[in-house]
Amino acid sequence: MNATTTTELGPIFETFVPANKRDDKGRHIGYVVGMRDNGVNFYAWVQNARYLGNGEWVEFGVTQRSRCFDSLQASKNWAYATARQRIAKLHA
């Protein structure tokens, strides 16, 4: 099966983006930006996250549905713009 016909998705890539804010228990909060693709469809999502220390983040809240894009760049643009918008709302 070639990359243009496969429906199998590749590995998940996640980046944690700190919001420079703390929750009511004093924990650092931010977002995880996730991406996955099959070479044709590119999926991205943004999920709430808390920093536990020692480089470990944990996702929390309602699980976010991924959005599908036609290119990796479009998925990245949407995901990071969405994370920036959510961080800006925290600081408002």
C-alpha atoms as a PDB file:
ATOM      1  CA  MET A   1       0.000   0.000   0.000  1.00  0.00           C
ATOM      2  CA  ASN A   2       1.462   3.397  -0.900  1.00  0.00           C
ATOM      3  CA  ALA A   3       1.227   6.653   1.030  1.00  0.00           C
ATOM      4  CA  THR A   4      -1.561   8.024  -1.134  1.00  0.00           C
ATOM      5  CA  THR A   5      -3.971   5.178  -0.365  1.00  0.00           C
ATOM      6  CA  THR A   6      -3.131   4.200   3.205  1.00  0.00           C
ATOM      7  CA  THR A   7      -5.541   4.932   6.027  1.00  0.00           C
ATOM      8  CA  GLU A   8      -3.055   3.854   8.683  1.00  0.00           C
ATOM      9  CA  LEU A   9      -1.915   6.784  10.769  1.00  0.00           C
ATOM     10  CA  GLY A  10       1.695   7.343  11.736  1.00  0.00           C
ATOM     11  CA  PRO A  11       3.048   8.093  15.207  1.00  0.00           C
ATOM     12  CA  ILE A  12       1.636  10.867  17.376  1.00  0.00           C
ATOM     13  CA  PHE A  13       3.862  13.903  17.826  1.00  0.00           C
ATOM     14  CA  GLU A  14       3.111  16.126  20.820  1.00  0.00           C
ATOM     15  CA  THR A  15       4.600  19.433  21.899  1.00  0.00           C
ATOM     16  CA  PHE A  16       3.794  21.000  25.249  1.00  0.00           C
ATOM     17  CA  VAL A  17       3.294  24.770  25.251  1.00  0.00           C
ATOM     18  CA  PRO A  18       3.421  26.500  28.661  1.00  0.00           C
ATOM     19  CA  ALA A  19       0.949  29.314  29.305  1.00  0.00           C
ATOM     20  CA  ASN A  20       3.009  31.001  32.063  1.00  0.00           C
ATOM     21  CA  LYS A  21      -0.033  30.700  34.334  1.00  0.00           C
ATOM     22  CA  ARG A  22      -0.858  28.538  37.326  1.00  0.00           C
ATOM     23  CA  ASP A  23      -4.123  26.869  38.281  1.00  0.00           C
ATOM     24  CA  ASP A  24      -5.814  27.366  41.657  1.00  0.00           C
ATOM     25  CA  LYS A  25      -3.557  24.673  43.172  1.00  0.00           C
ATOM     26  CA  GLY A  26      -0.391  26.430  41.986  1.00  0.00           C
ATOM     27  CA  ARG A  27       0.396  24.013  39.135  1.00  0.00           C
ATOM     28  CA  HIS A  28       1.752  25.329  35.843  1.00  0.00           C
ATOM     29  CA  ILE A  29      -0.777  25.003  33.047  1.00  0.00           C
ATOM     30  CA  GLY A  30      -0.465  25.045  29.284  1.00  0.00           C
ATOM     31  CA  TYR A  31      -1.474  23.098  26.224  1.00  0.00           C
ATOM     32  CA  VAL A  32      -0.367  20.047  24.329  1.00  0.00           C
ATOM     33  CA  VAL A  33      -0.299  20.437  20.560  1.00  0.00           C
ATOM     34  CA  GLY A  34      -0.693  17.035  18.927  1.00  0.00           C
ATOM     35  CA  MET A  35      -0.250  15.988  15.326  1.00  0.00           C
ATOM     36  CA  ARG A  36      -0.606  12.799  13.351  1.00  0.00           C
ATOM     37  CA  ASP A  37      -0.891  11.969   9.649  1.00  0.00           C
ATOM     38  CA  ASN A  38      -1.009   9.236   7.027  1.00  0.00           C
ATOM     39  CA  GLY A  39       0.855  11.173   4.346  1.00  0.00           C
ATOM     40  CA  VAL A  40      -2.388  12.477   2.821  1.00  0.00           C
ATOM     41  CA  ASN A  41      -4.522  13.705   5.723  1.00  0.00           C
ATOM     42  CA  PHE A  42      -2.900  15.737   8.495  1.00  0.00           C
ATOM     43  CA  TYR A  43      -4.616  15.832  11.899  1.00  0.00           C
ATOM     44  CA  ALA A  44      -4.002  18.311  14.717  1.00  0.00           C
ATOM     45  CA  TRP A  45      -5.484  18.985  18.152  1.00  0.00           C
ATOM     46  CA  VAL A  46      -4.891  21.231  21.158  1.00  0.00           C
ATOM     47  CA  GLN A  47      -5.524  19.861  24.655  1.00  0.00           C
ATOM     48  CA  ASN A  48      -5.299  21.370  28.160  1.00  0.00           C
ATOM     49  CA  ALA A  49      -2.222  20.240  30.107  1.00  0.00           C
ATOM     50  CA  ARG A  50      -0.637  20.607  33.562  1.00  0.00           C
ATOM     51  CA  TYR A  51       3.064  20.492  34.326  1.00  0.00           C
ATOM     52  CA  LEU A  52       3.888  17.893  36.985  1.00  0.00           C
ATOM     53  CA  GLY A  53       7.605  18.646  37.194  1.00  0.00           C
ATOM     54  CA  ASN A  54      10.670  16.750  35.983  1.00  0.00           C
ATOM     55  CA  GLY A  55       9.700  17.524  32.384  1.00  0.00           C
ATOM     56  CA  GLU A  56       6.364  15.693  32.679  1.00  0.00           C
ATOM     57  CA  TRP A  57       3.070  17.131  31.458  1.00  0.00           C
ATOM     58  CA  VAL A  58      -0.339  15.509  31.811  1.00  0.00           C
ATOM     59  CA  GLU A  59      -3.419  16.238  29.719  1.00  0.00           C
ATOM     60  CA  PHE A  60      -6.669  17.130  31.478  1.00  0.00           C
ATOM     61  CA  GLY A  61     -10.194  18.264  30.740  1.00  0.00           C
ATOM     62  CA  VAL A  62     -12.532  17.234  27.986  1.00  0.00           C
ATOM     63  CA  THR A  63     -10.693  15.303  25.275  1.00  0.00           C
ATOM     64  CA  GLN A  64     -10.340  17.437  22.177  1.00  0.00           C
ATOM     65  CA  ARG A  65     -11.311  16.147  18.753  1.00  0.00           C
ATOM     66  CA  SER A  66      -8.699  16.437  16.056  1.00  0.00           C
ATOM     67  CA  ARG A  67      -9.188  18.512  12.917  1.00  0.00           C
ATOM     68  CA  CYS A  68      -8.119  17.272   9.500  1.00  0.00           C
ATOM     69  CA  PHE A  69      -6.056  19.369   7.066  1.00  0.00           C
ATOM     70  CA  ASP A  70      -4.685  18.926   3.558  1.00  0.00           C
ATOM     71  CA  SER A  71      -1.084  19.738   4.536  1.00  0.00           C
ATOM     72  CA  LEU A  72       1.254  19.481   7.490  1.00  0.00           C
ATOM     73  CA  GLN A  73       1.837  23.235   7.381  1.00  0.00           C
ATOM     74  CA  ALA A  74      -1.897  23.994   7.560  1.00  0.00           C
ATOM     75  CA  SER A  75      -2.290  21.674  10.556  1.00  0.00           C
ATOM     76  CA  LYS A  76       0.679  23.310  12.339  1.00  0.00           C
ATOM     77  CA  ASN A  77      -0.588  26.816  11.600  1.00  0.00           C
ATOM     78  CA  TRP A  78      -4.026  26.018  13.024  1.00  0.00           C
ATOM     79  CA  ALA A  79      -2.753  24.153  16.099  1.00  0.00           C
ATOM     80  CA  TYR A  80      -0.225  26.753  17.229  1.00  0.00           C
ATOM     81  CA  ALA A  81      -2.591  29.660  16.478  1.00  0.00           C
ATOM     82  CA  THR A  82      -5.281  27.914  18.548  1.00  0.00           C
ATOM     83  CA  ALA A  83      -2.855  27.377  21.449  1.00  0.00           C
ATOM     84  CA  ARG A  84      -1.797  31.068  21.300  1.00  0.00           C
ATOM     85  CA  GLN A  85      -5.459  32.167  21.319  1.00  0.00           C
ATOM     86  CA  ARG A  86      -6.220  30.004  24.349  1.00  0.00           C
ATOM     87  CA  ILE A  87      -3.149  31.301  26.198  1.00  0.00           C
ATOM     88  CA  ALA A  88      -4.173  34.898  25.414  1.00  0.00           C
ATOM     89  CA  LYS A  89      -7.624  34.215  26.919  1.00  0.00           C
ATOM     90  CA  LEU A  90      -5.972  32.965  30.121  1.00  0.00           C
ATOM     91  CA  HIS A  91      -4.060  36.241  30.425  1.00  0.00           C
ATOM     92  CA  ALA A  92      -7.068  38.468  29.644  1.00  0.00           C
END
